[in-house]
Every structure is written in C-alpha cells, then in structure tokens.
Amino acid sequence: YVCSTWGNNHFKTFDGDIYQFPGICEYNFASDCRESYKEFSIHIQRALNSNNHPEIQYILLTIKDLTVYLRPKLAVVDGRIVKTPYYSSGLLIESNDIYTKVYAKLGLILIWNQEDALMVELDSKFNNHTCGLCGDYNGVPIYNEFINGGESSYHVSYNSITYGNLQKINKPNAKCEDPDETQALPSCNGHRYECERLLTSSAFADCRFRLNLETYIQACMQDKCACNGNEDSFCLCSTISEYSRQCSHAGGRPSEWRTQNFC
C-alpha cells in the first residue's frame, strides 16, 4: 500500500483519499503510532521554490534508532553525511540525479524525486497502526481521517486543512503560519474535459483499471484552477507524472506520454 504527495500540495492516503493541504511547516507524513515502540517516523517540510511552486525541502526519517535526514543530493545518517549507496543494518539508501530511495527491512520503501513528489510504501503489518498526513491505514477511506467518531453516534467532520494542521510537528523556533481552515476551494469543473482527455490518452491505456482515475482528474482540475491559466509545466504535468508513476508502481506500463512540446 502506498501513500504519496506531489505537485500542488496533493496527498493520497494509504486508504485512497486524495486531498490538498498547502502547509509549509514540518509535518508528520507517516509514522508508526503504537504507544509502546514506534518502528519508524517520516516528517516532511515543504517550501515554495523560486517559481512559487511547492517543493519538499527535506525529509526526516527515523528507523528504529537511526535518524536519516534527506535533502536533494544529500543524505545524512545520525549526523554524518554519507555516500550513497549507503548500507546499514536493515537500511539501504540509494540516490541518483533524479531519485532518492530508501529501503528499510522493517517493511518500508520511500521514493522521493528530490522535488515535489514523495511516495511511501508500507508493509501491511502496519495496518491500523499509522498516523500523520497519510492517515491510519485501516483500509477504510475517510473514516478516522476526515470523520472522527469512534463508537458513539457523534461524528466530527474535518476538512483537509484542519486535518493537515493537526499533523504539525511543534518546533519551538519554527516560523510558519498554519493555512487558513476556512478557505473554500474553488470549483474547477471548467477544466474537467481537458484533464479527462490528458489522463485517458492512449499512453495510459494500461492504467485505467489499475487506479482510481477520477481522483487524479480531480487533482488535475485543482492544478489547472490554482495556476490561473498559466501553462507552465508544473501546473500541467505534476499530476500526470504522478498518475504515470502510480500506474507503473501498480504493475501497469504507461507508454511515453511526454513530447517535445508537452511536459
């Protein structure tokens, strides 16, 4: 099972919910949240780059007693800069110009494109044990993330910004504002036709039945809205790239969809 974040602040939980959260503090992305012994935690910090697009600045990963700090083209383990590929007991870090990948024997794979997109795959032994922006991994979309009720008939419904703000790591000297929880997302239906056309092109014929197409169409529509007609590649391509990556990850074979003048 995979949780990912990409592009214009999109998140897809282990249980398949897709939402947007534009926070720029340090957040718990996914952690083992059992009381007794936590096997791993993953924190991320985003910031806007020079083009005003959100990128992941760093990832802070703890695996049992090891601390791994990742920046683009940099890996630091327990305070020491390390050369990749780096092997340690139960841990492998690989890195090239495009991706940083971490494999942990306890059942975790992390893949980061050193820019906006991060994908984490977890062993099913962590079912129901995780917390953070990736949700609780209980196999039920929405429940416990965006509707909190437990046994009683009283349910609290969260919007995605409230949910995201709850995942903030409180650091004493952090200077970052919580995104406004009352922001309404614009309606982006005007972009549906174009997003559908892009995501159902023949290059993705092998993907349609492997992924929930509608969730990616929605994300693409939000991208088009947020970019107000700017045709820069970030607005157009980040969700399509994510769809392609997730399709490959699910065993599909997307064919070459990038062209000289597209993405």
Protein backbone atom coordinates (compact mmCIF):
# COMPACT_ATOMS: atom_id res chain seq x y z
CA TYR A 1 0.00 0.00 0.00
CA VAL A 2 1.22 3.41 -1.00
CA CYS A 3 0.85 6.94 0.34
CA SER A 4 2.06 9.83 -1.76
CA THR A 5 2.27 13.58 -2.04
CA TRP A 6 3.03 15.53 -5.20
CA GLY A 7 2.68 18.71 -7.18
CA ASN A 8 0.37 21.39 -5.94
CA ASN A 9 0.12 20.11 -2.33
CA HIS A 10 -1.80 16.93 -3.20
CA PHE A 11 -1.84 14.00 -0.80
CA LYS A 12 -3.13 10.48 -1.30
CA THR A 13 -3.52 8.48 1.91
CA PHE A 14 -2.86 4.76 2.32
CA ASP A 15 -6.63 4.31 2.25
CA GLY A 16 -7.01 6.14 -1.06
CA ASP A 17 -8.34 9.58 -0.09
CA ILE A 18 -6.92 12.42 -2.15
CA TYR A 19 -6.87 15.88 -0.63
CA GLN A 20 -4.95 19.16 -0.81
CA PHE A 21 -3.06 20.70 2.08
CA PRO A 22 -0.79 23.71 1.48
CA GLY A 23 1.09 23.81 4.80
CA ILE A 24 4.74 24.90 4.91
CA CYS A 25 5.68 23.77 8.43
CA GLU A 26 7.23 20.42 9.36
CA TYR A 27 4.57 17.70 9.41
CA ASN A 28 4.23 14.09 10.38
CA PHE A 29 3.87 12.46 6.94
CA ALA A 30 3.54 8.88 8.18
CA SER A 31 4.59 7.31 11.46
CA ASP A 32 4.11 4.15 13.42
CA CYS A 33 1.78 5.40 16.15
CA ARG A 34 1.60 2.49 18.52
CA GLU A 35 2.08 3.54 22.12
CA SER A 36 4.85 1.16 23.07
CA TYR A 37 7.59 1.02 20.46
CA LYS A 38 7.48 3.09 17.32
CA GLU A 39 9.37 1.44 14.47
CA PHE A 40 9.54 4.45 12.15
CA SER A 41 8.52 8.03 11.55
CA ILE A 42 8.67 10.25 8.44
CA HIS A 43 8.46 14.03 8.69
CA ILE A 44 8.48 16.41 5.72
CA GLN A 45 8.94 20.13 5.29
CA ARG A 46 7.72 21.95 2.18
CA ALA A 47 8.54 25.43 0.93
CA LEU A 48 7.84 27.47 -2.18
CA ASN A 49 10.71 27.46 -4.70
CA SER A 50 11.81 30.40 -6.84
CA ASN A 51 8.93 29.75 -9.28
CA ASN A 52 6.47 29.85 -6.40
CA HIS A 53 5.79 26.12 -6.66
CA PRO A 54 5.76 23.93 -3.55
CA GLU A 55 8.70 21.55 -3.16
CA ILE A 56 9.78 19.24 -0.38
CA GLN A 57 12.83 20.82 1.24
CA TYR A 58 13.79 17.93 3.46
CA ILE A 59 12.60 14.58 4.78
CA LEU A 60 13.41 13.43 8.30
CA LEU A 61 13.18 9.69 8.70
CA THR A 62 13.72 7.66 11.84
CA ILE A 63 14.01 3.91 11.50
CA LYS A 64 14.16 2.28 14.94
CA ASP A 65 17.16 4.12 16.41
CA LEU A 66 18.63 5.56 13.21
CA THR A 67 17.96 9.14 12.11
CA VAL A 68 18.14 9.87 8.38
CA TYR A 69 17.96 13.42 7.06
CA LEU A 70 17.45 13.78 3.29
CA ARG A 71 17.83 16.83 1.11
CA PRO A 72 18.19 16.85 -2.68
CA LYS A 73 21.51 15.09 -3.43
CA LEU A 74 22.34 14.84 0.28
CA ALA A 75 21.88 12.06 2.84
CA VAL A 76 22.84 12.43 6.49
CA VAL A 77 22.67 9.42 8.83
CA ASP A 78 22.95 10.05 12.58
CA GLY A 79 24.53 13.43 11.89
CA ARG A 80 27.13 12.17 9.35
CA ILE A 81 26.96 12.94 5.64
CA VAL A 82 27.07 9.59 3.86
CA LYS A 83 27.90 8.46 0.34
CA THR A 84 25.21 6.53 -1.48
CA PRO A 85 24.53 3.69 -1.94
CA TYR A 86 24.66 3.51 1.84
CA TYR A 87 24.08 0.23 3.67
CA SER A 88 23.50 -0.13 7.36
CA SER A 89 21.78 -2.81 9.40
CA GLY A 90 18.40 -3.19 7.75
CA LEU A 91 18.67 0.03 5.72
CA LEU A 92 19.70 0.91 2.16
CA ILE A 93 19.79 4.46 0.76
CA GLU A 94 20.25 4.90 -2.99
CA SER A 95 20.44 8.18 -4.80
CA ASN A 96 21.00 9.45 -8.34
CA ASP A 97 20.28 12.73 -10.12
CA ILE A 98 16.56 12.06 -10.23
CA TYR A 99 15.52 9.97 -7.23
CA THR A 100 16.42 9.23 -3.65
CA LYS A 101 15.22 5.81 -2.50
CA VAL A 102 15.29 4.30 0.97
CA TYR A 103 14.58 0.62 1.64
CA ALA A 104 14.10 -0.44 5.26
CA LYS A 105 13.94 -4.08 6.19
CA LEU A 106 11.12 -3.47 8.67
CA GLY A 107 8.79 -3.05 5.70
CA LEU A 108 9.14 0.46 4.28
CA ILE A 109 10.17 1.85 0.89
CA LEU A 110 10.49 5.60 0.35
CA ILE A 111 10.94 7.16 -3.10
CA TRP A 112 11.49 10.92 -3.50
CA ASN A 113 12.05 12.73 -6.79
CA GLN A 114 14.08 15.36 -4.86
CA GLU A 115 11.47 17.94 -5.78
CA ASP A 116 7.73 17.80 -5.21
CA ALA A 117 6.86 14.10 -5.19
CA LEU A 118 7.24 11.55 -2.40
CA MET A 119 5.88 8.01 -2.32
CA VAL A 120 5.99 5.68 0.69
CA GLU A 121 5.07 2.01 0.55
CA LEU A 122 4.42 0.18 3.81
CA ASP A 123 4.12 -3.45 4.75
CA SER A 124 0.58 -4.50 5.70
CA LYS A 125 1.79 -5.32 9.22
CA PHE A 126 1.38 -1.59 9.89
CA ASN A 127 -2.37 -1.74 9.10
CA ASN A 128 -4.25 0.37 11.58
CA HIS A 129 -1.03 1.50 13.28
CA THR A 130 -0.07 4.64 11.38
CA CYS A 131 -0.86 8.31 11.82
CA GLY A 132 0.07 11.52 10.01
CA LEU A 133 -0.84 13.08 6.67
CA CYS A 134 -1.02 9.55 5.19
CA GLY A 135 -3.82 8.54 7.55
CA ASP A 136 -4.33 5.45 9.68
CA TYR A 137 -4.04 2.72 7.01
CA ASN A 138 -7.18 0.93 8.22
CA GLY A 139 -8.43 0.20 4.72
CA VAL A 140 -11.44 2.48 5.09
CA PRO A 141 -11.31 5.77 3.18
CA ILE A 142 -12.38 8.93 5.04
CA TYR A 143 -13.12 7.16 8.34
CA ASN A 144 -10.79 8.33 11.15
CA GLU A 145 -9.11 10.84 8.86
CA PHE A 146 -11.89 13.19 7.85
CA ILE A 147 -14.69 11.81 10.01
CA ASN A 148 -13.84 11.08 13.60
CA GLY A 149 -16.47 9.36 15.66
CA GLY A 150 -15.42 6.14 17.27
CA GLU A 151 -18.26 4.09 18.71
CA SER A 152 -20.64 6.92 19.54
CA SER A 153 -23.11 8.37 17.10
CA TYR A 154 -21.39 11.74 17.39
CA HIS A 155 -19.15 12.40 14.39
CA VAL A 156 -16.74 15.25 13.88
CA SER A 157 -16.11 16.02 10.24
CA TYR A 158 -12.76 17.61 9.39
CA ASN A 159 -11.86 19.47 6.28
CA SER A 160 -8.47 18.66 4.84
CA ILE A 161 -6.82 21.86 6.13
CA THR A 162 -7.91 21.19 9.72
CA TYR A 163 -6.68 17.61 9.33
CA GLY A 164 -3.33 18.76 7.93
CA ASN A 165 -2.80 21.36 10.66
CA LEU A 166 -3.29 18.64 13.27
CA GLN A 167 -0.20 16.85 11.88
CA LYS A 168 2.18 19.74 12.50
CA ILE A 169 5.35 18.99 14.45
CA ASN A 170 5.64 21.71 17.06
CA LYS A 171 9.16 23.07 16.98
CA PRO A 172 9.92 25.88 19.41
CA ASN A 173 11.64 28.17 16.90
CA ALA A 174 9.61 27.37 13.78
CA LYS A 175 8.36 30.40 11.90
CA CYS A 176 5.48 29.18 9.81
CA GLU A 177 1.81 30.03 9.59
CA ASP A 178 -0.95 27.42 9.62
CA PRO A 179 -3.00 27.57 6.43
CA ASP A 180 -6.44 29.11 6.95
CA GLU A 181 -9.03 26.42 7.73
CA THR A 182 -11.92 28.47 6.37
CA GLN A 183 -10.52 28.69 2.82
CA ALA A 184 -13.05 27.34 0.38
CA LEU A 185 -11.59 25.50 -2.60
CA PRO A 186 -12.77 26.97 -5.91
CA SER A 187 -14.95 24.93 -8.23
CA CYS A 188 -12.76 23.77 -11.08
CA ASN A 189 -15.28 21.94 -13.23
CA GLY A 190 -14.40 24.03 -16.28
CA HIS A 191 -11.17 22.02 -16.57
CA ARG A 192 -12.73 18.57 -16.43
CA TYR A 193 -12.73 17.93 -20.18
CA GLU A 194 -9.06 18.74 -20.63
CA CYS A 195 -7.94 16.72 -17.60
CA GLU A 196 -10.02 13.74 -18.70
CA ARG A 197 -8.51 13.94 -22.18
CA LEU A 198 -4.95 14.02 -20.84
CA LEU A 199 -5.42 11.15 -18.37
CA THR A 200 -7.30 8.86 -20.75
CA SER A 201 -4.89 9.27 -23.66
CA SER A 202 -3.72 6.06 -25.31
CA ALA A 203 -0.39 6.28 -23.42
CA PHE A 204 -2.31 5.39 -20.26
CA ALA A 205 -4.44 2.58 -21.69
CA ASP A 206 -2.79 0.12 -19.31
CA CYS A 207 -3.56 2.30 -16.26
CA ARG A 208 -7.29 2.78 -16.34
CA PHE A 209 -8.23 -0.32 -14.44
CA ARG A 210 -5.32 -0.17 -12.02
CA LEU A 211 -6.00 3.21 -10.45
CA ASN A 212 -8.97 5.33 -9.47
CA LEU A 213 -8.95 7.66 -12.47
CA GLU A 214 -11.49 10.10 -11.01
CA THR A 215 -9.25 11.09 -8.09
CA TYR A 216 -6.45 12.09 -10.49
CA ILE A 217 -8.90 14.01 -12.71
CA GLN A 218 -9.98 15.97 -9.63
CA ALA A 219 -6.36 16.71 -8.69
CA CYS A 220 -5.57 17.81 -12.26
CA MET A 221 -8.62 20.12 -12.23
CA GLN A 222 -7.43 21.71 -8.98
CA ASP A 223 -3.97 22.24 -10.53
CA LYS A 224 -5.43 23.99 -13.55
CA CYS A 225 -7.52 26.23 -11.27
CA ALA A 226 -4.66 27.10 -8.96
CA CYS A 227 -2.43 28.11 -11.84
CA ASN A 228 -4.99 30.53 -13.27
CA GLY A 229 -4.32 29.67 -16.87
CA ASN A 230 -0.51 29.74 -16.52
CA GLU A 231 0.60 26.97 -18.83
CA ASP A 232 3.83 26.22 -17.01
CA SER A 233 4.78 22.60 -16.83
CA PHE A 234 4.30 22.32 -13.08
CA CYS A 235 0.57 23.04 -13.40
CA LEU A 236 0.09 20.74 -16.33
CA CYS A 237 2.44 17.91 -15.63
CA SER A 238 2.78 17.16 -11.94
CA THR A 239 -0.47 15.20 -11.56
CA ILE A 240 0.02 13.43 -14.90
CA SER A 241 3.54 12.43 -13.78
CA GLU A 242 2.10 11.12 -10.52
CA TYR A 243 -0.56 9.13 -12.40
CA SER A 244 2.18 7.63 -14.55
CA ARG A 245 4.39 6.77 -11.52
CA GLN A 246 1.49 5.20 -9.62
CA CYS A 247 0.46 3.22 -12.70
CA SER A 248 3.98 1.77 -13.05
CA HIS A 249 4.02 1.07 -9.34
CA ALA A 250 0.75 -0.85 -9.67
CA GLY A 251 2.30 -3.03 -12.40
CA GLY A 252 1.00 -1.05 -15.38
CA ARG A 253 3.01 0.07 -18.38
CA PRO A 254 2.29 3.65 -19.34
CA SER A 255 3.83 4.40 -22.73
CA GLU A 256 5.80 7.56 -23.47
CA TRP A 257 3.43 10.47 -22.85
CA ARG A 258 5.90 13.34 -22.73
CA THR A 259 6.64 15.05 -26.06
CA GLN A 260 8.97 17.81 -27.23
CA ASN A 261 6.34 20.42 -26.54
CA PHE A 262 4.43 18.80 -23.68
CA CYS A 263 5.97 18.33 -20.20
